[in-house]
N, C-alpha and C. Protein backbone atom coordinates (compact mmCIF):
# COMPACT_ATOMS: atom_id res chain seq x y z
N ASP A 1 -0.05 7.48 13.19
CA ASP A 1 -1.00 7.25 14.09
C ASP A 1 -1.43 5.86 14.00
N HIS A 2 -1.24 5.12 13.02
CA HIS A 2 -2.03 3.80 12.71
C HIS A 2 -0.76 2.74 12.50
N GLY A 3 0.54 3.18 12.50
CA GLY A 3 1.60 2.28 12.42
C GLY A 3 2.02 2.12 11.07
N GLY A 4 1.72 2.94 10.21
CA GLY A 4 2.13 2.69 8.62
C GLY A 4 3.57 3.56 8.64
N LEU A 5 4.14 3.21 7.65
CA LEU A 5 5.55 3.66 7.05
C LEU A 5 5.42 4.30 5.72
N VAL A 6 5.41 5.52 5.46
CA VAL A 6 5.37 6.05 4.09
C VAL A 6 6.73 5.58 3.59
N ASP A 7 6.57 4.77 2.41
CA ASP A 7 7.81 4.36 1.60
C ASP A 7 8.26 5.27 0.60
N LYS A 8 7.26 5.68 -0.11
CA LYS A 8 7.46 6.54 -1.19
C LYS A 8 6.44 7.29 -1.77
N PHE A 9 6.47 8.45 -2.44
CA PHE A 9 5.49 9.27 -3.10
C PHE A 9 5.63 8.85 -4.58
N ILE A 10 4.68 8.52 -5.47
CA ILE A 10 4.77 8.16 -6.77
C ILE A 10 3.74 8.91 -7.47
N GLY A 11 4.00 10.02 -8.07
CA GLY A 11 3.19 10.88 -8.52
C GLY A 11 2.37 11.51 -7.71
N ASP A 12 1.12 11.26 -8.00
CA ASP A 12 -0.03 11.91 -6.93
C ASP A 12 -0.36 10.78 -5.82
N GLY A 13 0.45 9.62 -5.72
CA GLY A 13 0.16 8.62 -4.86
C GLY A 13 1.25 8.38 -3.93
N ILE A 14 1.01 7.46 -2.92
CA ILE A 14 1.97 7.19 -1.97
C ILE A 14 1.78 5.68 -1.74
N LEU A 15 2.92 5.07 -1.30
CA LEU A 15 2.95 3.58 -0.80
C LEU A 15 3.25 3.65 0.62
N VAL A 16 2.35 3.10 1.44
CA VAL A 16 2.45 3.00 2.76
C VAL A 16 2.52 1.62 3.10
N ILE A 17 3.47 1.35 3.92
CA ILE A 17 3.61 -0.21 4.33
C ILE A 17 3.24 -0.47 5.80
N PHE A 18 2.40 -1.41 6.13
CA PHE A 18 2.02 -1.65 7.47
C PHE A 18 2.65 -2.84 7.89
N GLY A 19 2.71 -3.26 9.34
CA GLY A 19 2.84 -4.53 9.84
C GLY A 19 4.47 -4.51 10.24
N LEU A 20 5.14 -3.58 9.98
CA LEU A 20 6.46 -3.84 10.40
C LEU A 20 6.96 -3.91 11.72
N GLU A 21 5.99 -3.21 12.75
CA GLU A 21 5.93 -3.20 14.18
C GLU A 21 5.17 -4.21 14.77
N HIS A 22 3.68 -4.36 14.43
CA HIS A 22 3.03 -5.31 14.90
C HIS A 22 2.13 -5.94 13.80
N PRO A 23 2.70 -7.16 13.23
CA PRO A 23 2.45 -7.74 12.23
C PRO A 23 1.00 -8.31 12.15
N ASP A 24 0.63 -8.72 13.43
CA ASP A 24 -0.78 -9.09 13.83
C ASP A 24 -1.83 -8.16 13.67
N GLU A 25 -1.49 -6.86 13.59
CA GLU A 25 -2.57 -5.90 13.46
C GLU A 25 -2.47 -5.20 12.15
N VAL A 26 -1.85 -5.61 11.22
CA VAL A 26 -1.60 -5.05 9.99
C VAL A 26 -2.91 -4.69 9.19
N ILE A 27 -3.96 -5.54 9.03
CA ILE A 27 -4.92 -5.39 8.47
C ILE A 27 -5.83 -4.30 9.03
N ASN A 28 -5.91 -4.32 10.36
CA ASN A 28 -6.75 -3.22 11.02
C ASN A 28 -6.23 -1.99 10.94
N GLN A 29 -4.81 -2.02 11.00
CA GLN A 29 -4.15 -0.59 11.01
C GLN A 29 -4.27 -0.10 9.72
N ALA A 30 -4.04 -0.89 8.52
CA ALA A 30 -4.30 -0.21 7.32
C ALA A 30 -5.47 0.25 6.88
N VAL A 31 -6.37 -0.49 7.44
CA VAL A 31 -7.96 -0.06 7.02
C VAL A 31 -8.30 1.36 8.02
N LYS A 32 -7.75 1.29 9.26
CA LYS A 32 -8.15 2.43 10.06
C LYS A 32 -7.57 3.73 9.61
N ALA A 33 -6.15 3.34 9.12
CA ALA A 33 -5.36 4.70 8.41
C ALA A 33 -6.28 5.19 7.16
N SER A 34 -6.95 4.16 6.38
CA SER A 34 -7.45 4.73 5.10
C SER A 34 -8.78 5.37 5.43
N VAL A 35 -9.56 4.94 6.59
CA VAL A 35 -10.69 5.52 7.06
C VAL A 35 -10.38 6.85 7.53
N SER A 36 -9.18 7.10 8.37
CA SER A 36 -8.83 8.25 8.79
C SER A 36 -8.41 9.35 7.74
N MET A 37 -7.72 8.86 6.77
CA MET A 37 -7.48 9.58 5.46
C MET A 37 -8.66 10.14 4.93
N GLN A 38 -9.77 9.23 4.62
CA GLN A 38 -10.78 9.81 3.80
C GLN A 38 -11.65 10.89 4.73
N GLU A 39 -11.61 10.67 6.24
CA GLU A 39 -12.27 11.59 7.08
C GLU A 39 -11.61 12.85 7.01
N ALA A 40 -10.13 12.80 6.74
CA ALA A 40 -9.28 14.14 6.76
C ALA A 40 -9.59 14.92 5.29
N MET A 41 -10.00 14.03 4.37
CA MET A 41 -10.37 14.60 3.07
C MET A 41 -11.68 15.43 3.25
N VAL A 42 -12.55 14.87 4.04
CA VAL A 42 -13.77 15.36 4.38
C VAL A 42 -13.57 16.85 4.92
N ASP A 43 -12.84 16.78 6.05
CA ASP A 43 -12.25 18.08 6.71
C ASP A 43 -11.78 19.23 5.64
N LEU A 44 -10.71 18.62 4.88
CA LEU A 44 -10.17 19.60 3.94
C LEU A 44 -11.08 19.94 3.01
N ASN A 45 -11.81 19.17 2.46
CA ASN A 45 -12.78 19.62 1.43
C ASN A 45 -13.93 20.53 2.11
N ASP A 46 -14.03 20.73 3.29
CA ASP A 46 -14.96 21.73 3.83
C ASP A 46 -14.25 23.10 3.69
N ARG A 47 -12.91 23.14 3.53
CA ARG A 47 -12.34 24.42 3.46
C ARG A 47 -11.58 24.95 2.15
N VAL A 48 -12.12 24.20 1.10
CA VAL A 48 -11.44 24.34 -0.17
C VAL A 48 -12.69 24.53 -1.15
N SER A 49 -12.46 25.34 -2.27
CA SER A 49 -13.78 25.49 -3.18
C SER A 49 -13.78 24.20 -4.19
N ILE A 50 -12.68 23.46 -4.52
CA ILE A 50 -12.71 22.56 -5.34
C ILE A 50 -12.60 21.20 -4.67
N PRO A 51 -13.56 20.24 -4.40
CA PRO A 51 -13.23 18.91 -3.49
C PRO A 51 -11.93 18.09 -4.28
N ILE A 52 -11.12 17.70 -3.24
CA ILE A 52 -10.15 16.55 -3.70
C ILE A 52 -10.65 15.39 -3.28
N GLU A 53 -10.49 14.31 -4.33
CA GLU A 53 -10.87 12.99 -3.90
C GLU A 53 -9.62 12.13 -4.04
N ILE A 54 -9.60 10.97 -2.99
CA ILE A 54 -8.49 10.30 -2.87
C ILE A 54 -9.07 8.86 -3.21
N GLY A 55 -8.45 7.93 -3.92
CA GLY A 55 -8.61 6.46 -3.76
C GLY A 55 -7.83 5.60 -3.08
N ILE A 56 -8.04 4.72 -2.31
CA ILE A 56 -6.86 3.88 -1.37
C ILE A 56 -7.27 2.35 -1.63
N GLY A 57 -6.18 1.68 -2.23
CA GLY A 57 -6.10 0.05 -2.38
C GLY A 57 -5.31 -0.63 -1.45
N ILE A 58 -5.99 -1.48 -0.88
CA ILE A 58 -5.06 -2.32 0.21
C ILE A 58 -5.01 -3.76 -0.01
N HIS A 59 -4.20 -4.43 0.06
CA HIS A 59 -3.80 -5.80 -0.23
C HIS A 59 -2.59 -6.18 0.89
N LYS A 60 -2.63 -7.49 0.96
CA LYS A 60 -1.91 -8.08 2.20
C LYS A 60 -0.97 -9.29 1.36
N GLY A 61 0.21 -9.22 1.70
CA GLY A 61 1.06 -10.27 1.08
C GLY A 61 2.58 -10.25 1.24
N ASP A 62 3.31 -11.00 0.76
CA ASP A 62 4.76 -11.08 1.24
C ASP A 62 5.32 -9.90 0.16
N VAL A 63 6.33 -9.29 0.56
CA VAL A 63 7.16 -8.36 -0.20
C VAL A 63 8.61 -8.52 0.21
N ILE A 64 9.39 -8.04 -0.70
CA ILE A 64 11.00 -7.95 -0.63
C ILE A 64 11.32 -6.61 -0.30
N ALA A 65 12.00 -6.43 0.86
CA ALA A 65 12.42 -4.96 1.23
C ALA A 65 13.89 -5.04 1.39
N GLY A 66 14.53 -3.92 0.65
CA GLY A 66 15.76 -3.63 0.58
C GLY A 66 16.16 -2.47 -0.11
N ILE A 67 17.56 -2.30 -0.23
CA ILE A 67 17.97 -1.06 -1.01
C ILE A 67 18.13 -1.35 -2.57
N ILE A 68 17.42 -0.64 -3.33
CA ILE A 68 17.40 -0.93 -4.68
C ILE A 68 18.10 0.33 -5.31
N GLY A 69 19.03 0.00 -6.40
CA GLY A 69 19.54 1.09 -7.31
C GLY A 69 21.04 0.85 -7.56
N SER A 70 21.58 1.91 -7.92
CA SER A 70 23.15 1.72 -7.93
C SER A 70 23.84 2.55 -6.79
N PRO A 71 25.14 2.48 -6.81
CA PRO A 71 25.93 3.18 -5.82
C PRO A 71 25.57 4.70 -5.55
N ASP A 72 25.33 5.32 -6.83
CA ASP A 72 25.10 6.76 -7.06
C ASP A 72 23.59 7.01 -6.57
N ARG A 73 22.76 6.25 -6.89
CA ARG A 73 21.35 6.63 -6.64
C ARG A 73 20.57 5.51 -6.05
N HIS A 74 20.22 5.36 -4.99
CA HIS A 74 19.56 4.19 -4.43
C HIS A 74 18.55 4.56 -3.46
N GLU A 75 17.56 3.71 -3.04
CA GLU A 75 16.64 3.91 -1.81
C GLU A 75 16.26 2.59 -1.41
N TYR A 76 15.94 2.59 -0.12
CA TYR A 76 15.11 1.50 0.63
C TYR A 76 13.73 1.72 0.10
N THR A 77 13.23 0.39 -0.42
CA THR A 77 11.86 0.31 -0.75
C THR A 77 11.28 -1.15 -0.56
N PHE A 78 9.98 -1.36 -0.95
CA PHE A 78 9.44 -2.55 -0.89
C PHE A 78 8.96 -3.03 -2.31
N ILE A 79 9.12 -4.24 -2.73
CA ILE A 79 8.62 -4.67 -4.11
C ILE A 79 8.00 -6.01 -4.02
N GLY A 80 7.21 -6.14 -4.82
CA GLY A 80 6.65 -7.58 -4.81
C GLY A 80 5.08 -7.52 -5.33
N ASP A 81 4.59 -8.68 -5.38
CA ASP A 81 3.16 -8.79 -6.05
C ASP A 81 2.04 -8.20 -5.10
N ALA A 82 2.43 -8.01 -3.90
CA ALA A 82 1.30 -7.41 -2.86
C ALA A 82 1.43 -5.98 -3.08
N VAL A 83 2.55 -5.49 -3.28
CA VAL A 83 2.51 -3.96 -3.69
C VAL A 83 1.82 -3.51 -5.07
N ASN A 84 2.03 -4.55 -5.92
CA ASN A 84 1.40 -4.22 -7.39
C ASN A 84 -0.14 -4.39 -7.21
N THR A 85 -0.50 -5.42 -6.31
CA THR A 85 -1.96 -5.64 -6.27
C THR A 85 -2.62 -4.48 -5.55
N ALA A 86 -2.10 -3.88 -4.57
CA ALA A 86 -2.57 -2.89 -3.71
C ALA A 86 -2.71 -1.74 -4.85
N SER A 87 -1.58 -1.37 -5.59
CA SER A 87 -1.53 -0.32 -6.41
C SER A 87 -2.61 -0.41 -7.67
N ARG A 88 -2.95 -1.82 -8.05
CA ARG A 88 -3.91 -1.92 -9.16
C ARG A 88 -5.47 -1.70 -8.58
N LEU A 89 -5.45 -2.28 -7.35
CA LEU A 89 -6.87 -1.95 -6.56
C LEU A 89 -7.24 -0.49 -6.46
N GLU A 90 -6.03 0.38 -6.04
CA GLU A 90 -6.15 1.87 -6.15
C GLU A 90 -6.52 2.46 -7.26
N GLY A 91 -6.06 1.80 -8.22
CA GLY A 91 -6.36 2.46 -9.75
C GLY A 91 -7.64 2.02 -10.12
N MET A 92 -8.69 1.13 -9.67
CA MET A 92 -9.86 0.81 -9.72
C MET A 92 -10.92 1.62 -9.09
N THR A 93 -10.33 2.39 -8.04
CA THR A 93 -11.42 2.81 -6.90
C THR A 93 -12.40 4.02 -8.00
N LYS A 94 -11.72 4.65 -9.06
CA LYS A 94 -12.37 5.64 -9.57
C LYS A 94 -13.52 5.05 -10.54
N SER A 95 -13.33 4.09 -11.14
CA SER A 95 -14.15 3.44 -11.87
C SER A 95 -15.35 2.66 -11.21
N LEU A 96 -14.91 2.13 -10.14
CA LEU A 96 -16.03 1.28 -8.99
C LEU A 96 -16.71 2.56 -8.17
N LYS A 97 -16.17 3.67 -8.33
CA LYS A 97 -16.76 4.58 -7.41
C LYS A 97 -16.74 4.41 -5.96
N ALA A 98 -15.43 3.84 -5.49
CA ALA A 98 -15.07 3.36 -4.32
C ALA A 98 -14.01 4.36 -3.73
N SER A 99 -14.05 4.70 -2.46
CA SER A 99 -13.07 5.46 -1.75
C SER A 99 -11.98 4.54 -1.38
N ILE A 100 -12.33 3.42 -0.88
CA ILE A 100 -11.34 2.44 -0.28
C ILE A 100 -11.76 1.10 -0.97
N LEU A 101 -10.72 0.50 -1.54
CA LEU A 101 -10.91 -1.03 -2.20
C LEU A 101 -10.05 -1.84 -1.58
N VAL A 102 -10.36 -3.02 -1.10
CA VAL A 102 -9.50 -3.97 -0.46
C VAL A 102 -9.68 -5.35 -1.09
N SER A 103 -8.64 -6.23 -0.98
CA SER A 103 -8.86 -7.56 -1.45
C SER A 103 -9.45 -8.40 -0.43
N SER A 104 -10.12 -9.49 -0.96
CA SER A 104 -10.62 -10.37 0.05
C SER A 104 -9.84 -10.90 1.46
N ASN A 105 -8.24 -11.03 1.17
CA ASN A 105 -7.67 -11.21 2.26
C ASN A 105 -7.51 -10.02 3.40
N ILE A 106 -7.85 -8.88 2.97
CA ILE A 106 -8.04 -7.94 4.03
C ILE A 106 -9.43 -7.87 4.71
N TYR A 107 -10.35 -7.91 3.77
CA TYR A 107 -11.76 -7.89 4.19
C TYR A 107 -12.31 -9.01 5.29
N ASN A 108 -11.52 -10.45 4.79
CA ASN A 108 -11.89 -11.40 5.80
C ASN A 108 -10.86 -11.39 7.22
N GLY A 109 -10.12 -10.35 7.15
CA GLY A 109 -9.38 -10.44 8.49
C GLY A 109 -9.69 -9.04 9.46
N LEU A 110 -10.93 -8.42 8.79
CA LEU A 110 -11.26 -7.24 9.62
C LEU A 110 -11.80 -7.46 10.95
N SER A 111 -11.57 -6.44 12.00
CA SER A 111 -12.33 -6.72 13.22
C SER A 111 -13.86 -6.13 13.02
N GLU A 112 -14.38 -6.71 14.07
CA GLU A 112 -15.93 -6.45 13.96
C GLU A 112 -16.26 -4.95 13.86
N ASP A 113 -15.51 -4.03 14.42
CA ASP A 113 -15.70 -2.59 14.33
C ASP A 113 -15.65 -2.28 13.00
N LEU A 114 -14.69 -2.61 12.34
CA LEU A 114 -14.54 -2.25 10.80
C LEU A 114 -15.39 -2.87 9.98
N LEU A 115 -15.79 -4.14 10.25
CA LEU A 115 -16.81 -4.71 9.44
C LEU A 115 -18.13 -3.91 9.39
N ALA A 116 -18.36 -3.17 10.44
CA ALA A 116 -19.59 -2.47 10.91
C ALA A 116 -19.68 -1.36 9.65
N LEU A 117 -18.57 -0.95 9.09
CA LEU A 117 -18.69 0.08 7.79
C LEU A 117 -19.46 -0.55 6.74
N PRO A 118 -19.95 0.35 5.88
CA PRO A 118 -20.83 0.02 4.83
C PRO A 118 -19.80 -0.74 3.56
N TRP A 119 -19.35 -1.95 3.79
CA TRP A 119 -18.69 -2.31 2.72
C TRP A 119 -19.46 -3.15 1.63
N GLU A 120 -19.07 -2.91 0.48
CA GLU A 120 -19.71 -3.40 -0.85
C GLU A 120 -18.92 -4.36 -1.61
N ASN A 121 -19.65 -5.50 -1.79
CA ASN A 121 -18.87 -6.86 -2.41
C ASN A 121 -18.71 -6.36 -4.00
N PHE A 122 -17.70 -6.05 -4.43
CA PHE A 122 -17.57 -5.64 -5.82
C PHE A 122 -17.44 -6.88 -6.66
N GLY A 123 -17.20 -8.06 -6.10
CA GLY A 123 -17.12 -9.26 -6.94
C GLY A 123 -15.49 -9.52 -7.33
N GLU A 124 -15.54 -10.43 -8.42
CA GLU A 124 -14.16 -10.56 -9.07
C GLU A 124 -13.77 -9.56 -9.86
N GLN A 125 -12.54 -9.08 -9.85
CA GLN A 125 -12.06 -8.00 -10.63
C GLN A 125 -10.73 -8.40 -11.34
N ALA A 126 -10.74 -8.23 -12.68
CA ALA A 126 -9.68 -8.61 -13.32
C ALA A 126 -8.63 -7.53 -13.16
N LEU A 127 -7.43 -7.81 -12.91
CA LEU A 127 -6.34 -6.78 -12.60
C LEU A 127 -5.28 -6.69 -13.65
N LYS A 128 -4.99 -5.90 -14.15
CA LYS A 128 -3.96 -5.53 -15.07
C LYS A 128 -2.66 -6.33 -14.65
N GLY A 129 -2.15 -7.48 -15.61
CA GLY A 129 -0.93 -8.04 -15.24
C GLY A 129 -1.11 -9.35 -14.37
N LYS A 130 -2.11 -9.65 -14.06
CA LYS A 130 -2.61 -10.74 -13.35
C LYS A 130 -3.35 -11.66 -13.96
N GLU A 131 -3.16 -13.04 -13.85
CA GLU A 131 -3.74 -14.17 -14.57
C GLU A 131 -5.07 -14.37 -14.00
N SER A 132 -5.14 -14.15 -12.51
CA SER A 132 -6.59 -14.65 -12.06
C SER A 132 -7.21 -13.40 -11.53
N ASN A 133 -8.46 -13.49 -11.42
CA ASN A 133 -9.20 -12.32 -10.85
C ASN A 133 -9.11 -12.39 -9.42
N ILE A 134 -9.53 -11.03 -8.76
CA ILE A 134 -9.32 -11.03 -7.28
C ILE A 134 -10.47 -10.38 -6.80
N LEU A 135 -11.02 -11.20 -5.79
CA LEU A 135 -12.35 -10.61 -5.27
C LEU A 135 -12.14 -9.33 -4.23
N SER A 136 -13.12 -8.37 -4.46
CA SER A 136 -12.71 -7.16 -3.71
C SER A 136 -13.99 -6.63 -2.95
N TYR A 137 -13.69 -5.89 -2.11
CA TYR A 137 -14.79 -5.15 -1.42
C TYR A 137 -14.32 -3.81 -1.22
N GLY A 138 -15.40 -2.95 -1.10
CA GLY A 138 -14.97 -1.42 -0.97
C GLY A 138 -16.06 -0.52 -0.21
N ILE A 139 -15.66 0.54 0.00
CA ILE A 139 -16.65 1.70 0.72
C ILE A 139 -16.94 2.72 -0.41
N ASN A 140 -18.02 2.76 -0.67
CA ASN A 140 -18.45 3.71 -1.73
C ASN A 140 -18.03 4.99 -1.45
N LYS A 141 -17.99 5.95 -2.45
CA LYS A 141 -17.49 7.27 -2.38
C LYS A 141 -18.73 8.18 -1.54
N SER A 142 -19.79 7.65 -1.72
CA SER A 142 -21.20 8.36 -1.30
C SER A 142 -20.91 8.36 0.28
N PHE A 143 -20.35 7.44 0.83
CA PHE A 143 -20.35 7.18 2.35
C PHE A 143 -19.74 8.22 3.00
N PHE A 144 -18.56 9.00 2.48
CA PHE A 144 -17.73 9.84 3.19
C PHE A 144 -18.40 11.10 2.47
N GLN A 145 -18.81 11.21 1.31
CA GLN A 145 -19.60 12.53 0.88
C GLN A 145 -20.86 12.78 1.57
N LYS A 146 -21.52 11.68 2.16
CA LYS A 146 -22.66 12.12 3.11
C LYS A 146 -22.00 12.68 4.30
N GLU A 147 -20.62 12.32 4.92
CA GLU A 147 -20.26 12.81 6.18
C GLU A 147 -20.02 14.32 5.85
N ARG A 148 -19.81 14.63 4.65
CA ARG A 148 -19.33 16.06 4.54
C ARG A 148 -20.56 16.83 4.48
N LYS A 149 -21.59 16.29 4.39
CA LYS A 149 -22.79 17.25 4.33
C LYS A 149 -23.62 17.03 5.65
N GLY A 150 -22.86 16.46 6.64
CA GLY A 150 -23.25 16.63 8.03
C GLY A 150 -23.95 15.33 8.51
N VAL A 151 -23.98 14.30 7.53
CA VAL A 151 -24.68 13.00 8.07
C VAL A 151 -23.58 11.88 8.25
N SER A 152 -23.49 11.61 9.37
CA SER A 152 -22.47 10.58 9.83
C SER A 152 -22.90 9.29 10.05
N HIS A 153 -22.30 8.47 9.26
CA HIS A 153 -22.84 7.04 9.35
C HIS A 153 -21.78 6.23 9.84
N ASN A 154 -20.60 6.83 10.16
CA ASN A 154 -19.42 6.03 10.56
C ASN A 154 -19.41 5.63 12.29
N PRO A 155 -19.42 4.47 12.38
CA PRO A 155 -19.36 4.06 13.80
C PRO A 155 -18.12 4.35 14.39
N SER A 156 -18.22 4.42 15.79
CA SER A 156 -16.75 4.80 16.41
C SER A 156 -15.73 3.71 16.14
N ILE A 157 -14.65 4.33 15.76
CA ILE A 157 -13.42 3.23 15.28
C ILE A 157 -12.53 3.77 16.44
N GLU A 158 -12.04 2.75 17.04
CA GLU A 158 -10.88 2.89 18.25
C GLU A 158 -9.75 3.17 17.49
N ASN A 159 -8.92 4.02 17.83
CA ASN A 159 -7.38 4.10 17.14
C ASN A 159 -6.55 3.19 18.11
């Protein structure tokens, strides 16, 4: 719906790449997709007895795309620092109690309608394997949990 390509499933996570078709829309597409995923989890959790939570990390940067592996076993994939940074951000969502965590290069490129969401500045975060810290912003889990209770704070986001 938002122009993302599911690259792979990694354990209980997924890697989705944006910007292949519309590189100028990559930031807003990725964030709109993450909001839609969290809203879908609200709907799903209304039908299950044990709520399921997901954390989403988003970063923008250069990647290398290609076929990786041996002639017997190979796959088309994306690798690079941007992929690792997004993964590290996702890994921090639980400790920061964020549903969505983005780097400053994502936050600074958001459209006005997406900036209207309740973003919280989480400050500089140390990421495993990185020498320098990264400034991050997130949407707290409570925002989507309030929606589950019937209190919607989400402004209309156009797809």
